């Protein structure tokens, strides 16, 4: 065979290999789409979530195919259900919610499995770092800083030679930031941003606001105005701007790291939001006027029923327990 023929054969083989890889990747993306259709159908189960996790772990191409399919689904939505799915995975039919018409009414009311903590919302699957309900996770960031996430949290990174920017779109975290003179560290959460040179701070999403506590060093918080915090100071902000700067208890800040929830005259709304980040199921405040009722106490994360019992005895609430860990407070 001449060198020219050999080169042509090699080029043909290379093209065929690339085509096979493309065909294989398209097949993987179709499988990923089938999983997404199932997880967003309202009929998904914990077995479905486990099956997806196992499928993603098979290779980097499986993981990338899922992320590509999920991103396309997020942008195009149910139109993707028209895709042909010859290799649709088989799913278990074991249900999370039982009870016939009661379960149907719950789903119709919007309390679906992803909200109950059994299945992850699709947007969290596309995030850089997430924690499930009740999970905590420590992350070593590319610059040497450390982020510790509480349950139900979502963190995304945007690092470049010019900036260190992260966003906490849900949940709570504690950030220990190393100094880089040329790149300040910026964290976006809710309607504001926190800028740090070298410091430790805790940040948490509430129902209507975001709270920031400076544990060491100095930080700057911006939301329709600016506030500088030093060790032992805290502030909250919302769409209405910054609140008042107050003293923070550094010893009890981010108490979830020690397996505790500590509330000092906090609205019931915030207490329930914290509880829902650590307990599978859903605690729902049934009456609007209850949301602002104040709660104080120290509770253990591994004993969530004690929190519900405390709310019942101190606020005179009457919890109604339903299937799937759903509790209505009224």
Protein backbone atom coordinates (compact mmCIF):
# COMPACT_ATOMS: atom_id res chain seq x y z
CA UNK A 1 0.00 0.00 0.00
CA UNK A 2 1.38 3.38 -0.96
CA UNK A 3 1.92 6.06 1.64
CA UNK A 4 -0.86 8.04 0.01
CA UNK A 5 -3.29 5.09 0.31
CA UNK A 6 -2.23 4.51 3.93
CA UNK A 7 -2.85 8.14 4.80
CA UNK A 8 -6.27 7.98 3.16
CA UNK A 9 -7.15 4.79 5.07
CA UNK A 10 -6.02 6.33 8.35
CA UNK A 11 -8.13 9.43 7.69
CA UNK A 12 -11.15 7.23 6.87
CA UNK A 13 -10.70 5.20 10.06
CA UNK A 14 -10.38 8.37 12.10
CA UNK A 15 -13.56 9.79 10.59
CA UNK A 16 -15.42 6.54 11.29
CA UNK A 17 -14.22 6.53 14.92
CA UNK A 18 -15.35 10.13 15.38
CA UNK A 19 -18.73 9.24 13.87
CA UNK A 20 -19.10 6.28 16.24
CA UNK A 21 -18.22 8.51 19.20
CA UNK A 22 -20.77 11.11 18.04
CA UNK A 23 -23.45 8.44 17.60
CA UNK A 24 -22.68 6.99 21.03
CA UNK A 25 -22.84 10.42 22.66
CA UNK A 26 -26.17 11.17 20.98
CA UNK A 27 -27.49 7.87 22.34
CA UNK A 28 -26.30 8.82 25.82
CA UNK A 29 -27.99 12.19 25.54
CA UNK A 30 -31.25 10.52 24.55
CA UNK A 31 -31.00 8.28 27.60
CA UNK A 32 -30.31 11.33 29.76
CA UNK A 33 -33.36 13.07 28.30
CA UNK A 34 -35.48 10.05 29.19
CA UNK A 35 -34.34 10.34 32.81
CA UNK A 36 -35.15 14.05 32.84
CA UNK A 37 -38.61 13.46 31.38
CA UNK A 38 -39.25 10.94 34.13
CA UNK A 39 -37.88 13.13 36.97
CA UNK A 40 -40.00 16.09 35.87
CA UNK A 41 -43.16 14.08 35.20
CA UNK A 42 -44.59 14.36 38.71
CA UNK A 43 -44.50 10.55 39.02
CA UNK A 44 -40.81 10.06 39.87
CA UNK A 45 -39.72 7.97 42.82
CA UNK A 46 -36.61 7.63 44.96
CA UNK A 47 -35.68 4.60 42.85
CA UNK A 48 -35.69 6.84 39.78
CA UNK A 49 -33.29 9.31 41.45
CA UNK A 50 -31.00 6.44 42.50
CA UNK A 51 -31.05 5.00 38.97
CA UNK A 52 -30.06 8.37 37.53
CA UNK A 53 -27.18 8.76 40.00
CA UNK A 54 -25.87 5.31 39.06
CA UNK A 55 -26.20 6.09 35.34
CA UNK A 56 -24.31 9.39 35.69
CA UNK A 57 -21.46 7.69 37.58
CA UNK A 58 -20.68 5.27 34.75
CA UNK A 59 -18.32 7.66 32.93
CA UNK A 60 -17.50 11.31 32.34
CA UNK A 61 -19.39 11.10 29.04
CA UNK A 62 -22.51 9.94 30.88
CA UNK A 63 -22.21 12.91 33.25
CA UNK A 64 -21.58 15.38 30.42
CA UNK A 65 -24.48 13.96 28.39
CA UNK A 66 -26.79 14.50 31.34
CA UNK A 67 -25.62 18.08 31.91
CA UNK A 68 -26.06 18.90 28.21
CA UNK A 69 -29.53 17.33 28.13
CA UNK A 70 -30.55 19.03 31.38
CA UNK A 71 -29.39 22.43 30.12
CA UNK A 72 -31.31 21.97 26.87
CA UNK A 73 -34.38 20.86 28.84
CA UNK A 74 -34.12 23.91 31.07
CA UNK A 75 -34.05 26.17 28.01
CA UNK A 76 -36.66 24.39 25.87
CA UNK A 77 -38.83 22.60 28.41
CA UNK A 78 -41.53 20.06 27.55
CA UNK A 79 -40.94 20.36 23.81
CA UNK A 80 -38.17 17.82 24.38
CA UNK A 81 -40.72 15.17 25.27
CA UNK A 82 -41.29 14.81 21.52
CA UNK A 83 -37.84 13.24 21.17
CA UNK A 84 -37.83 9.62 20.09
CA UNK A 85 -36.68 7.49 23.03
CA UNK A 86 -35.94 3.95 21.83
CA UNK A 87 -33.63 3.22 24.78
CA UNK A 88 -35.76 4.77 27.55
CA UNK A 89 -34.58 3.28 30.88
CA UNK A 90 -36.89 1.06 32.88
CA UNK A 91 -38.12 2.71 36.10
CA UNK A 92 -39.47 1.33 39.32
CA UNK A 93 -43.08 2.19 40.11
CA UNK A 94 -42.63 2.31 43.88
CA UNK A 95 -44.30 5.55 44.88
CA UNK A 96 -43.22 8.08 47.47
CA UNK A 97 -46.66 9.41 48.26
CA UNK A 98 -49.46 6.99 49.00
CA UNK A 99 -53.06 7.49 49.86
CA UNK A 100 -54.95 7.94 46.60
CA UNK A 101 -56.90 11.17 46.51
CA UNK A 102 -54.92 12.71 49.38
CA UNK A 103 -51.64 12.23 47.52
CA UNK A 104 -53.23 13.59 44.36
CA UNK A 105 -54.43 16.70 46.17
CA UNK A 106 -50.97 17.27 47.64
CA UNK A 107 -49.31 17.04 44.23
CA UNK A 108 -52.00 19.26 42.73
CA UNK A 109 -51.23 21.80 45.45
CA UNK A 110 -47.61 21.96 44.41
CA UNK A 111 -45.94 19.87 47.11
CA UNK A 112 -44.13 17.58 44.68
CA UNK A 113 -41.33 15.15 45.38
CA UNK A 114 -38.49 17.56 44.60
CA UNK A 115 -39.89 20.03 47.12
CA UNK A 116 -40.16 17.31 49.75
CA UNK A 117 -36.46 16.61 49.60
CA UNK A 118 -36.73 13.17 48.02
CA UNK A 119 -35.66 14.23 44.53
CA UNK A 120 -33.36 17.12 43.55
CA UNK A 121 -34.84 20.04 41.58
CA UNK A 122 -33.50 20.11 38.04
CA UNK A 123 -31.73 23.47 38.46
CA UNK A 124 -29.62 22.09 41.32
CA UNK A 125 -28.41 19.26 39.12
CA UNK A 126 -26.81 21.89 36.88
CA UNK A 127 -25.02 23.67 39.73
CA UNK A 128 -21.34 23.32 40.59
CA UNK A 129 -22.00 22.21 44.17
CA UNK A 130 -25.20 21.19 45.93
CA UNK A 131 -26.24 19.55 49.16
CA UNK A 132 -29.31 17.41 49.70
CA UNK A 133 -31.78 17.89 52.52
CA UNK A 134 -29.95 17.16 55.77
CA UNK A 135 -26.53 16.91 54.10
CA UNK A 136 -23.49 19.06 54.89
CA UNK A 137 -20.46 19.38 52.65
CA UNK A 138 -17.03 21.04 52.79
CA UNK A 139 -15.58 22.25 49.48
CA UNK A 140 -12.01 23.32 48.75
CA UNK A 141 -12.34 26.18 46.27
CA UNK A 142 -9.76 26.74 43.48
CA UNK A 143 -8.07 29.65 45.28
CA UNK A 144 -7.59 27.78 48.56
CA UNK A 145 -10.69 29.22 50.24
CA UNK A 146 -13.08 26.81 51.93
CA UNK A 147 -16.87 26.71 51.65
CA UNK A 148 -18.97 24.62 54.03
CA UNK A 149 -22.56 24.15 52.84
CA UNK A 150 -25.57 23.32 54.97
CA UNK A 151 -28.42 21.13 53.77
CA UNK A 152 -30.47 22.24 50.75
CA UNK A 153 -27.78 24.61 49.47
CA UNK A 154 -26.61 25.46 45.95
CA UNK A 155 -23.25 27.05 45.12
CA UNK A 156 -21.88 28.13 41.72
CA UNK A 157 -18.37 29.36 40.89
CA UNK A 158 -17.22 31.96 38.38
CA UNK A 159 -13.44 32.19 38.71
CA UNK A 160 -11.28 34.04 36.22
CA UNK A 161 -7.90 35.82 36.27
CA UNK A 162 -9.78 39.01 37.14
CA UNK A 163 -12.26 37.83 39.77
CA UNK A 164 -13.29 35.25 42.34
CA UNK A 165 -17.06 35.24 42.26
CA UNK A 166 -19.43 32.67 43.73
CA UNK A 167 -23.20 32.62 44.09
CA UNK A 168 -25.24 30.96 46.82
CA UNK A 169 -28.69 30.66 45.29
CA UNK A 170 -30.25 28.69 48.16
CA UNK A 171 -29.52 27.41 51.64
CA UNK A 172 -26.68 28.46 53.92
CA UNK A 173 -22.92 28.35 54.04
CA UNK A 174 -19.80 29.34 55.90
CA UNK A 175 -16.95 30.79 53.83
CA UNK A 176 -13.31 30.96 54.93
CA UNK A 177 -11.64 33.21 52.36
CA UNK A 178 -7.91 33.44 51.71
CA UNK A 179 -6.48 36.78 50.67
CA UNK A 180 -5.54 37.62 47.10
CA UNK A 181 -4.66 41.28 46.67
CA UNK A 182 -5.42 41.30 42.96
CA UNK A 183 -8.76 39.43 43.20
CA UNK A 184 -11.30 40.27 45.89
CA UNK A 185 -13.73 37.48 46.75
CA UNK A 186 -17.36 38.30 45.90
CA UNK A 187 -20.37 36.22 46.95
CA UNK A 188 -23.80 36.92 45.47
CA UNK A 189 -26.92 35.80 47.33
CA UNK A 190 -30.46 37.07 46.85
CA UNK A 191 -30.51 40.80 46.13
CA UNK A 192 -27.06 41.60 47.47
CA UNK A 193 -23.36 40.82 47.35
CA UNK A 194 -20.71 40.35 50.02
CA UNK A 195 -17.14 41.38 49.20
CA UNK A 196 -14.20 39.97 51.14
CA UNK A 197 -10.43 40.30 51.11
CA UNK A 198 -9.54 37.82 53.84
CA UNK A 199 -12.23 36.83 56.34
CA UNK A 200 -14.63 34.18 57.57
CA UNK A 201 -18.36 34.76 57.36
CA UNK A 202 -21.64 32.87 57.53
CA UNK A 203 -24.51 33.53 55.14
CA UNK A 204 -28.04 32.14 55.03
CA UNK A 205 -31.13 32.51 52.86
CA UNK A 206 -34.27 33.19 54.88
CA UNK A 207 -37.79 33.24 53.47
CA UNK A 208 -37.73 36.95 52.62
CA UNK A 209 -34.14 38.02 53.31
CA UNK A 210 -30.50 36.99 53.48
CA UNK A 211 -28.49 37.24 56.70
CA UNK A 212 -24.70 37.71 56.86
CA UNK A 213 -22.50 37.29 59.95
CA UNK A 214 -18.83 38.30 60.08
CA UNK A 215 -16.89 35.72 62.12
CA UNK A 216 -13.35 36.95 61.50
CA UNK A 217 -11.77 39.87 59.66
CA UNK A 218 -13.80 42.46 57.77
CA UNK A 219 -16.42 42.17 55.03
CA UNK A 220 -18.53 44.60 52.99
CA UNK A 221 -22.20 43.95 52.25
CA UNK A 222 -23.99 45.76 49.41
CA UNK A 223 -27.72 45.93 48.74
CA UNK A 224 -29.03 49.37 47.72
CA UNK A 225 -26.32 50.72 50.01
CA UNK A 226 -23.16 49.57 51.77
CA UNK A 227 -22.32 48.26 55.22
CA UNK A 228 -18.93 47.22 56.56
CA UNK A 229 -18.94 44.43 59.13
CA UNK A 230 -16.17 43.41 61.51
CA UNK A 231 -15.91 40.32 63.67
CA UNK A 232 -19.05 39.86 65.77
CA UNK A 233 -21.39 41.94 63.59
CA UNK A 234 -24.28 40.85 61.39
CA UNK A 235 -26.79 42.32 58.99
CA UNK A 236 -29.74 41.18 56.88
CA UNK A 237 -30.89 42.46 53.51
CA UNK A 238 -33.80 41.97 51.13
CA UNK A 239 -35.34 43.58 48.07
CA UNK A 240 -35.96 46.61 50.27
CA UNK A 241 -32.24 47.10 50.98
CA UNK A 242 -30.05 46.69 54.04
CA UNK A 243 -31.40 46.23 57.54
CA UNK A 244 -29.80 47.44 60.76
CA UNK A 245 -26.34 46.23 61.71
CA UNK A 246 -26.44 44.28 64.99
CA UNK A 247 -24.16 42.19 67.20
CA UNK A 248 -23.64 38.54 66.29
CA UNK A 249 -22.73 35.66 68.57
CA UNK A 250 -19.67 34.20 66.87
CA UNK A 251 -19.83 31.07 69.02
CA UNK A 252 -23.33 30.15 67.82
CA UNK A 253 -23.03 31.41 64.23
CA UNK A 254 -23.76 28.71 61.66
CA UNK A 255 -24.76 26.43 64.54
CA UNK A 256 -25.81 23.79 62.01
CA UNK A 257 -22.10 22.85 61.80
CA UNK A 258 -22.42 21.55 65.37
CA UNK A 259 -25.69 19.75 64.71
CA UNK A 260 -27.83 22.49 66.24
CA UNK A 261 -30.49 24.99 65.20
CA UNK A 262 -30.52 28.08 67.40
CA UNK A 263 -33.31 30.64 67.18
CA UNK A 264 -33.53 33.87 69.14
CA UNK A 265 -36.86 35.57 68.60
CA UNK A 266 -37.00 34.49 64.96
CA UNK A 267 -40.20 34.44 62.84
CA UNK A 268 -41.86 31.06 62.50
CA UNK A 269 -41.41 31.39 58.73
CA UNK A 270 -37.61 31.30 59.10
CA UNK A 271 -37.71 28.49 61.65
CA UNK A 272 -39.75 26.31 59.29
CA UNK A 273 -37.44 27.16 56.37
CA UNK A 274 -34.43 26.01 58.41
CA UNK A 275 -36.24 22.89 59.52
CA UNK A 276 -37.14 22.01 55.94
CA UNK A 277 -33.45 22.14 54.95
CA UNK A 278 -32.70 19.42 57.48
CA UNK A 279 -35.79 17.22 57.43
CA UNK A 280 -37.14 15.17 54.53
CA UNK A 281 -40.77 15.90 53.88
CA UNK A 282 -42.30 19.33 54.15
CA UNK A 283 -43.50 21.47 57.05
CA UNK A 284 -46.12 23.89 55.78
CA UNK A 285 -47.54 26.90 57.65
CA UNK A 286 -51.24 26.68 56.89
CA UNK A 287 -52.27 30.16 58.09
CA UNK A 288 -50.57 33.35 56.92
CA UNK A 289 -50.96 35.11 60.27
CA UNK A 290 -48.74 32.47 61.91
CA UNK A 291 -45.70 33.26 59.80
CA UNK A 292 -44.54 36.23 61.88
CA UNK A 293 -44.96 34.52 65.28
CA UNK A 294 -41.62 34.58 67.12
CA UNK A 295 -39.70 31.47 68.20
CA UNK A 296 -36.69 31.00 70.50
CA UNK A 297 -34.85 27.82 71.42
CA UNK A 298 -31.93 25.46 70.87
CA UNK A 299 -32.68 22.25 68.99
CA UNK A 300 -30.78 19.19 67.76
CA UNK A 301 -30.85 18.55 64.01
CA UNK A 302 -31.13 14.80 64.52
CA UNK A 303 -34.33 15.25 66.56
CA UNK A 304 -36.63 17.36 64.33
CA UNK A 305 -39.75 16.09 66.07
CA UNK A 306 -38.66 18.01 69.18
CA UNK A 307 -38.83 21.24 67.19
CA UNK A 308 -42.37 20.46 66.07
CA UNK A 309 -43.35 19.58 69.63
CA UNK A 310 -41.87 22.89 70.85
CA UNK A 311 -43.85 24.84 68.25
CA UNK A 312 -46.99 23.03 69.26
CA UNK A 313 -46.56 23.75 72.98
CA UNK A 314 -45.24 27.33 72.86
CA UNK A 315 -47.29 28.74 69.99
CA UNK A 316 -50.40 26.65 70.49
CA UNK A 317 -50.14 25.20 67.01
CA UNK A 318 -51.87 22.02 65.95
CA UNK A 319 -49.74 19.95 63.55
CA UNK A 320 -51.53 17.74 61.07
CA UNK A 321 -49.34 14.84 59.90
CA UNK A 322 -49.85 13.54 56.36
CA UNK A 323 -48.12 10.97 54.22
CA UNK A 324 -44.62 11.56 52.88
CA UNK A 325 -43.45 13.46 55.97
CA UNK A 326 -45.78 16.40 55.25
CA UNK A 327 -46.85 18.38 58.31
CA UNK A 328 -49.33 21.26 58.23
CA UNK A 329 -49.05 23.75 61.11
CA UNK A 330 -52.33 25.47 61.87
